[in-house]
Structures are given as structure tokens and as C-alpha cells.
């Protein structure tokens, strides 16, 4: 199946199950894809084709996604994150596929309360961080405290390396990619922390260094090229790469096409599409 045909079929769920499920399983046995990286609500600088939750979920269903970890674009910019997280929970409750992932900003007063509520009251499995947009570095004491508290609460910590290419960001709001150099030391101080990097554009040398950090995981959203996903799996290890689309900011079909073109063997394919995420969440 070439790329043009793959697009023309709209990546229907049956095609996903047939061409991406492990060959040893039937389509009926395939439990569906887990997308570890989607966002809800409006991106403030332009409308996105799938920024309506119902439309986004319909698209994900058509691609064979049966579960998606969903954070909120509101969490990137709002100061009242408790309200933003509550709104996210209410929205996700409308769709069985969506699992809410809260936002915590350690530069705001009361962030500890926000984190604790994500874990205890909202029963979220994780939180998503936006260091560049919210103005802190990974070598800050704030991040160290947050990472430790999240680990004790059993929360997965997703670090958004970038949201938008710097070339298309508004000139007055340009934010560089997160500097990941301090991450190894920060995670050393919180050895129980489980961390996933989102939207990292993987470079072989960088991934090799990051793969040396225990409990660090990656997503596939920006693994470009027909061999991008396979190269990431080889460099990081098949158990540490999770499928992610960065929808609706990016077209979700694109991430699925790259996985399709990676020609992974059945076991690592199944691990990337679902098993790694389920294990990380558990």
C-alpha cells in the first residue's frame, strides 16, 4: 500500500487493523491504537480543522484509535489551571476514548494544589507541562519540586518539547524548543518519575543521549521521514516509544502513515501502537 492509496482510503479503521495490527492477530483481536498526544479546544492563533472535540474524536475513531491522552490548549495559556483542568475533565467525560491529562504550571501560586487535584480528585493518570511557554527551565528548583511531587502521586509527566515550529510562531510570542540538557540530572533527583517527551524532533545523537536516562519515553509525532519511527525505535528501544499524533495541531493521518512506512516487525509495532502506553500508564 503506497502513501497515496493510504490517504485515499482515509485510513479507515479496517485498514488500520489489517495493515498495522500484528500479523499474528486478526483485526477483531486488535484492541486499537492508543494516541498519547492529543489536545482539545482552540489554539488561540488560528483555527484548526479538528479543534472541535466531536470532529477530532470522529477522526481518531476512523483511524482505529480507541484511546487518546488528551490535554488542553487552554492549559498552555490560562492562569486559572484548576478551572481549565475541570473543563477538560468534563469534555473528556463525553467521549469514552478520551483520557484527560491535566496541566500544571509550577511558576503559578498554588500549583501544588493543582497537581494534587489532578491526581486525587480528577483521577488523571498524568500531567502535561509546557516549560517554554510558561517560562521555566528544566534545571529550575520549581521543576525539580514538581517532578518529585508528581512521582510521589504516581503521575506520568509529559514534557512538551515544542508546540509549533519557530518559523510559524507569532513574532511577539516566539518560544524555542525546551532545552533538554538538564533533564538527566533532574530525573536522577526523582528516580521514580515517569517522563515522556512530546513533539521531539529526534536526532540520532540526541536520542542516544536521552535514551541513557531511565524511565524516559518518547512519542512519534515529529519522527519525520519514512524511516523516522524505525530509527527512533532503534535508538531509544522499542519499549520506550509511544504512538502520538499531536492532533489537532498536526494532521493525525501523518503520524499513522509514518508508522505504516516504518515497516516494524509485529511485536515492536504493537508495542508502539498500544502496549508501551498501557504499561507506562499502569
Protein backbone atom coordinates (compact mmCIF):
# COMPACT_ATOMS: atom_id res chain seq x y z
CA UNK A 1 0.00 0.00 0.00
CA UNK A 2 1.64 3.24 -1.10
CA UNK A 3 1.16 6.63 0.57
CA UNK A 4 -1.34 7.92 -1.99
CA UNK A 5 -3.57 4.89 -1.64
CA UNK A 6 -3.23 5.02 2.14
CA UNK A 7 -4.51 8.61 2.09
CA UNK A 8 -7.27 7.90 -0.43
CA UNK A 9 -8.73 5.24 1.85
CA UNK A 10 -8.88 7.82 4.69
CA UNK A 11 -7.09 5.30 6.88
CA UNK A 12 -10.33 3.53 7.72
CA UNK A 13 -10.32 1.50 10.90
CA UNK A 14 -10.40 -1.79 8.99
CA UNK A 15 -7.31 -0.78 7.03
CA UNK A 16 -5.53 0.18 10.22
CA UNK A 17 -6.38 -3.12 11.85
CA UNK A 18 -5.39 -5.05 8.75
CA UNK A 19 -2.15 -3.29 7.86
CA UNK A 20 -0.89 -2.09 11.22
CA UNK A 21 -2.04 -4.76 13.65
CA UNK A 22 0.47 -7.55 14.33
CA UNK A 23 0.20 -10.21 11.68
CA UNK A 24 -0.36 -12.91 14.30
CA UNK A 25 -3.64 -11.28 15.34
CA UNK A 26 -6.88 -10.89 13.47
CA UNK A 27 -8.44 -7.48 13.01
CA UNK A 28 -11.11 -8.44 15.55
CA UNK A 29 -8.44 -9.16 18.18
CA UNK A 30 -6.57 -5.90 17.69
CA UNK A 31 -7.57 -3.67 20.65
CA UNK A 32 -6.96 -0.44 18.77
CA UNK A 33 -4.37 2.30 18.85
CA UNK A 34 -3.57 4.45 21.88
CA UNK A 35 -2.65 8.01 20.94
CA UNK A 36 -0.52 9.53 23.70
CA UNK A 37 -0.59 13.11 22.40
CA UNK A 38 -3.76 14.99 21.52
CA UNK A 39 -5.15 18.35 22.68
CA UNK A 40 -8.65 19.76 23.00
CA UNK A 41 -10.25 23.19 22.48
CA UNK A 42 -8.99 26.14 20.45
CA UNK A 43 -5.45 27.08 19.51
CA UNK A 44 -5.54 30.86 20.09
CA UNK A 45 -3.68 31.99 16.97
CA UNK A 46 -5.67 30.25 14.25
CA UNK A 47 -8.47 27.78 13.75
CA UNK A 48 -7.51 24.13 13.29
CA UNK A 49 -9.66 21.77 11.21
CA UNK A 50 -10.22 19.36 14.12
CA UNK A 51 -10.41 21.80 17.04
CA UNK A 52 -13.98 20.68 17.74
CA UNK A 53 -13.84 17.69 20.08
CA UNK A 54 -16.59 15.77 18.33
CA UNK A 55 -14.84 16.12 14.97
CA UNK A 56 -11.49 15.15 16.48
CA UNK A 57 -12.88 12.03 18.12
CA UNK A 58 -14.68 11.03 14.92
CA UNK A 59 -11.39 11.30 13.02
CA UNK A 60 -9.49 9.33 15.65
CA UNK A 61 -12.11 6.59 15.57
CA UNK A 62 -11.79 6.37 11.78
CA UNK A 63 -8.05 5.79 12.22
CA UNK A 64 -8.52 2.94 14.68
CA UNK A 65 -7.67 4.96 17.80
CA UNK A 66 -9.62 3.61 20.76
CA UNK A 67 -7.93 5.64 23.49
CA UNK A 68 -6.24 9.05 23.47
CA UNK A 69 -4.45 11.00 26.20
CA UNK A 70 -5.94 14.48 25.88
CA UNK A 71 -4.61 17.69 27.38
CA UNK A 72 -5.95 21.19 26.80
CA UNK A 73 -4.69 24.10 24.73
CA UNK A 74 -6.28 26.27 27.42
CA UNK A 75 -3.77 24.88 29.90
CA UNK A 76 -0.90 26.39 27.94
CA UNK A 77 -2.06 29.96 28.38
CA UNK A 78 -4.61 30.17 31.21
CA UNK A 79 -3.58 31.19 34.72
CA UNK A 80 -6.56 29.52 36.36
CA UNK A 81 -5.49 25.98 35.64
CA UNK A 82 -7.86 24.41 38.14
CA UNK A 83 -10.82 25.63 36.08
CA UNK A 84 -9.11 24.67 32.81
CA UNK A 85 -8.45 21.15 34.12
CA UNK A 86 -12.04 20.80 35.36
CA UNK A 87 -13.34 21.85 31.95
CA UNK A 88 -11.07 19.28 30.31
CA UNK A 89 -12.39 16.52 32.56
CA UNK A 90 -15.99 17.44 31.73
CA UNK A 91 -15.25 17.43 28.00
CA UNK A 92 -13.45 14.08 28.09
CA UNK A 93 -16.37 12.55 30.01
CA UNK A 94 -18.46 12.96 26.84
CA UNK A 95 -16.25 10.56 24.86
CA UNK A 96 -15.11 7.13 26.11
CA UNK A 97 -11.91 7.32 24.04
CA UNK A 98 -10.55 10.42 25.78
CA UNK A 99 -8.41 10.26 28.94
CA UNK A 100 -7.82 13.70 30.49
CA UNK A 101 -4.25 14.80 31.13
CA UNK A 102 -4.06 17.92 33.30
CA UNK A 103 -1.77 20.91 33.09
CA UNK A 104 0.34 22.20 35.97
CA UNK A 105 2.42 25.39 35.85
CA UNK A 106 4.99 25.49 38.68
CA UNK A 107 5.50 29.24 38.24
CA UNK A 108 1.95 29.94 39.45
CA UNK A 109 0.95 30.13 43.11
CA UNK A 110 -0.94 27.08 44.27
CA UNK A 111 0.48 24.74 41.65
CA UNK A 112 0.84 22.01 44.30
CA UNK A 113 -2.92 22.12 44.83
CA UNK A 114 -3.49 21.88 41.06
CA UNK A 115 -1.24 18.82 40.84
CA UNK A 116 -2.83 17.12 43.85
CA UNK A 117 -6.31 17.70 42.46
CA UNK A 118 -5.31 16.20 39.10
CA UNK A 119 -4.25 13.04 40.90
CA UNK A 120 -6.73 12.71 43.75
CA UNK A 121 -9.97 14.30 42.57
CA UNK A 122 -9.83 14.16 38.78
CA UNK A 123 -8.13 10.74 38.78
CA UNK A 124 -5.92 11.71 35.89
CA UNK A 125 -3.06 9.34 35.01
CA UNK A 126 -0.70 12.17 34.14
CA UNK A 127 0.01 15.86 33.63
CA UNK A 128 1.39 17.75 30.64
CA UNK A 129 3.98 20.52 31.01
CA UNK A 130 4.81 23.45 28.74
CA UNK A 131 8.13 24.82 30.07
CA UNK A 132 8.96 27.14 27.17
CA UNK A 133 5.51 28.71 27.00
CA UNK A 134 5.23 29.07 30.78
CA UNK A 135 8.72 30.36 31.45
CA UNK A 136 10.80 27.86 33.39
CA UNK A 137 13.79 25.63 32.66
CA UNK A 138 14.37 22.00 33.49
CA UNK A 139 17.24 22.91 35.83
CA UNK A 140 14.99 25.11 37.98
CA UNK A 141 14.08 24.19 41.53
CA UNK A 142 10.43 24.59 40.56
CA UNK A 143 10.67 21.80 38.01
CA UNK A 144 12.59 19.60 40.43
CA UNK A 145 9.88 20.00 43.06
CA UNK A 146 7.13 19.34 40.54
CA UNK A 147 8.82 16.21 39.21
CA UNK A 148 9.27 14.82 42.71
CA UNK A 149 5.67 15.58 43.72
CA UNK A 150 4.30 14.04 40.51
CA UNK A 151 6.37 10.90 41.08
CA UNK A 152 5.02 10.53 44.61
CA UNK A 153 1.48 10.97 43.29
CA UNK A 154 2.06 8.30 40.63
CA UNK A 155 1.50 10.71 37.74
CA UNK A 156 3.07 10.39 34.31
CA UNK A 157 4.78 13.67 33.38
CA UNK A 158 4.59 14.65 29.70
CA UNK A 159 7.01 17.42 28.70
CA UNK A 160 6.04 19.25 25.54
CA UNK A 161 9.35 19.97 23.82
CA UNK A 162 7.66 22.23 21.28
CA UNK A 163 4.15 23.11 20.20
CA UNK A 164 4.79 24.91 16.94
CA UNK A 165 7.76 25.34 14.63
CA UNK A 166 9.52 28.61 15.48
CA UNK A 167 9.23 29.65 11.84
CA UNK A 168 5.42 29.90 12.07
CA UNK A 169 5.06 31.30 15.59
CA UNK A 170 3.80 34.87 16.10
CA UNK A 171 6.83 37.17 16.16
CA UNK A 172 5.98 38.59 19.58
CA UNK A 173 5.50 35.13 21.11
CA UNK A 174 8.38 33.06 19.78
CA UNK A 175 9.30 30.25 22.17
CA UNK A 176 12.27 27.97 21.48
CA UNK A 177 12.25 24.23 21.98
CA UNK A 178 12.77 23.13 25.56
CA UNK A 179 16.44 22.70 26.49
CA UNK A 180 16.64 19.05 27.50
CA UNK A 181 20.26 19.13 28.68
CA UNK A 182 19.32 19.39 32.40
CA UNK A 183 16.75 16.58 32.24
CA UNK A 184 19.12 13.75 33.16
CA UNK A 185 20.14 15.41 36.43
CA UNK A 186 16.56 16.37 37.25
CA UNK A 187 15.34 12.80 36.79
CA UNK A 188 18.27 11.50 38.79
CA UNK A 189 16.92 13.51 41.73
CA UNK A 190 13.45 11.96 41.23
CA UNK A 191 14.25 8.35 40.27
CA UNK A 192 10.64 7.20 40.48
CA UNK A 193 9.44 9.78 37.97
CA UNK A 194 7.99 8.56 34.67
CA UNK A 195 8.51 11.12 31.91
CA UNK A 196 7.52 11.27 28.25
CA UNK A 197 8.84 13.81 25.76
CA UNK A 198 6.25 15.05 23.27
CA UNK A 199 6.92 16.54 19.85
CA UNK A 200 10.66 16.00 19.97
CA UNK A 201 12.17 16.05 16.50
CA UNK A 202 14.54 13.14 17.07
CA UNK A 203 18.18 13.45 16.06
CA UNK A 204 20.25 10.29 16.39
CA UNK A 205 22.90 11.77 18.70
CA UNK A 206 20.34 13.48 20.92
CA UNK A 207 18.13 10.42 21.23
CA UNK A 208 21.12 8.26 22.09
CA UNK A 209 21.97 10.58 24.99
CA UNK A 210 18.37 10.82 26.17
CA UNK A 211 17.89 7.05 25.93
CA UNK A 212 20.51 6.67 28.67
CA UNK A 213 18.05 8.28 31.12
CA UNK A 214 15.95 5.66 32.94
CA UNK A 215 12.16 5.97 32.77
CA UNK A 216 12.24 8.43 29.86
CA UNK A 217 9.91 7.81 26.92
CA UNK A 218 9.21 9.38 23.54
CA UNK A 219 6.34 9.90 21.12
CA UNK A 220 6.23 9.60 17.33
CA UNK A 221 4.55 12.92 16.46
CA UNK A 222 7.61 14.53 14.84
CA UNK A 223 9.56 11.45 13.78
CA UNK A 224 9.81 12.62 10.19
CA UNK A 225 10.67 10.56 7.13
CA UNK A 226 9.69 7.08 6.06
CA UNK A 227 12.31 5.61 8.42
CA UNK A 228 11.80 8.12 11.24
CA UNK A 229 9.80 5.87 13.55
CA UNK A 230 12.01 2.86 12.93
CA UNK A 231 15.14 4.94 13.64
CA UNK A 232 13.61 6.26 16.86
CA UNK A 233 12.70 2.74 17.98
CA UNK A 234 16.22 1.54 17.22
CA UNK A 235 17.86 4.41 19.11
CA UNK A 236 15.55 4.56 22.12
CA UNK A 237 14.39 0.95 22.40
CA UNK A 238 11.03 -0.37 21.27
CA UNK A 239 9.59 -0.32 24.80
CA UNK A 240 10.11 3.44 25.15
CA UNK A 241 8.40 4.80 22.02
CA UNK A 242 4.68 5.61 22.15
CA UNK A 243 2.43 6.49 19.25
CA UNK A 244 1.42 10.16 19.29
CA UNK A 245 -0.13 12.45 16.68
CA UNK A 246 -0.08 15.98 18.18
CA UNK A 247 -3.63 16.30 16.84
CA UNK A 248 -5.34 18.57 16.06
CA UNK A 249 -2.27 20.77 15.62
CA UNK A 250 -0.88 18.22 13.17
CA UNK A 251 -2.90 16.03 10.83
CA UNK A 252 -3.30 12.69 12.65
CA UNK A 253 -3.06 10.68 9.42
CA UNK A 254 0.55 11.84 9.04
CA UNK A 255 1.73 10.12 12.22
CA UNK A 256 -0.05 6.92 11.25
CA UNK A 257 1.45 6.96 7.78
CA UNK A 258 4.94 7.26 9.23
CA UNK A 259 4.31 4.25 11.46
CA UNK A 260 2.95 2.35 8.46
CA UNK A 261 6.03 3.20 6.41
CA UNK A 262 8.42 2.22 9.20
CA UNK A 263 7.81 -1.48 8.37
CA UNK A 264 8.28 -2.50 12.00
CA UNK A 265 8.04 -6.17 12.85
CA UNK A 266 4.77 -7.18 14.54
CA UNK A 267 5.98 -7.13 18.16
CA UNK A 268 7.61 -3.68 18.16
CA UNK A 269 4.73 -2.36 16.05
CA UNK A 270 2.17 -3.48 18.61
CA UNK A 271 4.36 -2.08 21.38
CA UNK A 272 4.49 1.36 19.76
CA UNK A 273 0.80 1.47 18.87
CA UNK A 274 -0.53 0.49 22.28
CA UNK A 275 1.37 -1.74 24.71
CA UNK A 276 4.06 0.76 25.72
CA UNK A 277 1.48 3.38 26.64
CA UNK A 278 -0.65 0.94 28.60
CA UNK A 279 2.39 -0.22 30.55
CA UNK A 280 3.51 3.34 31.24
CA UNK A 281 0.06 4.35 32.46
CA UNK A 282 -0.21 1.33 34.74
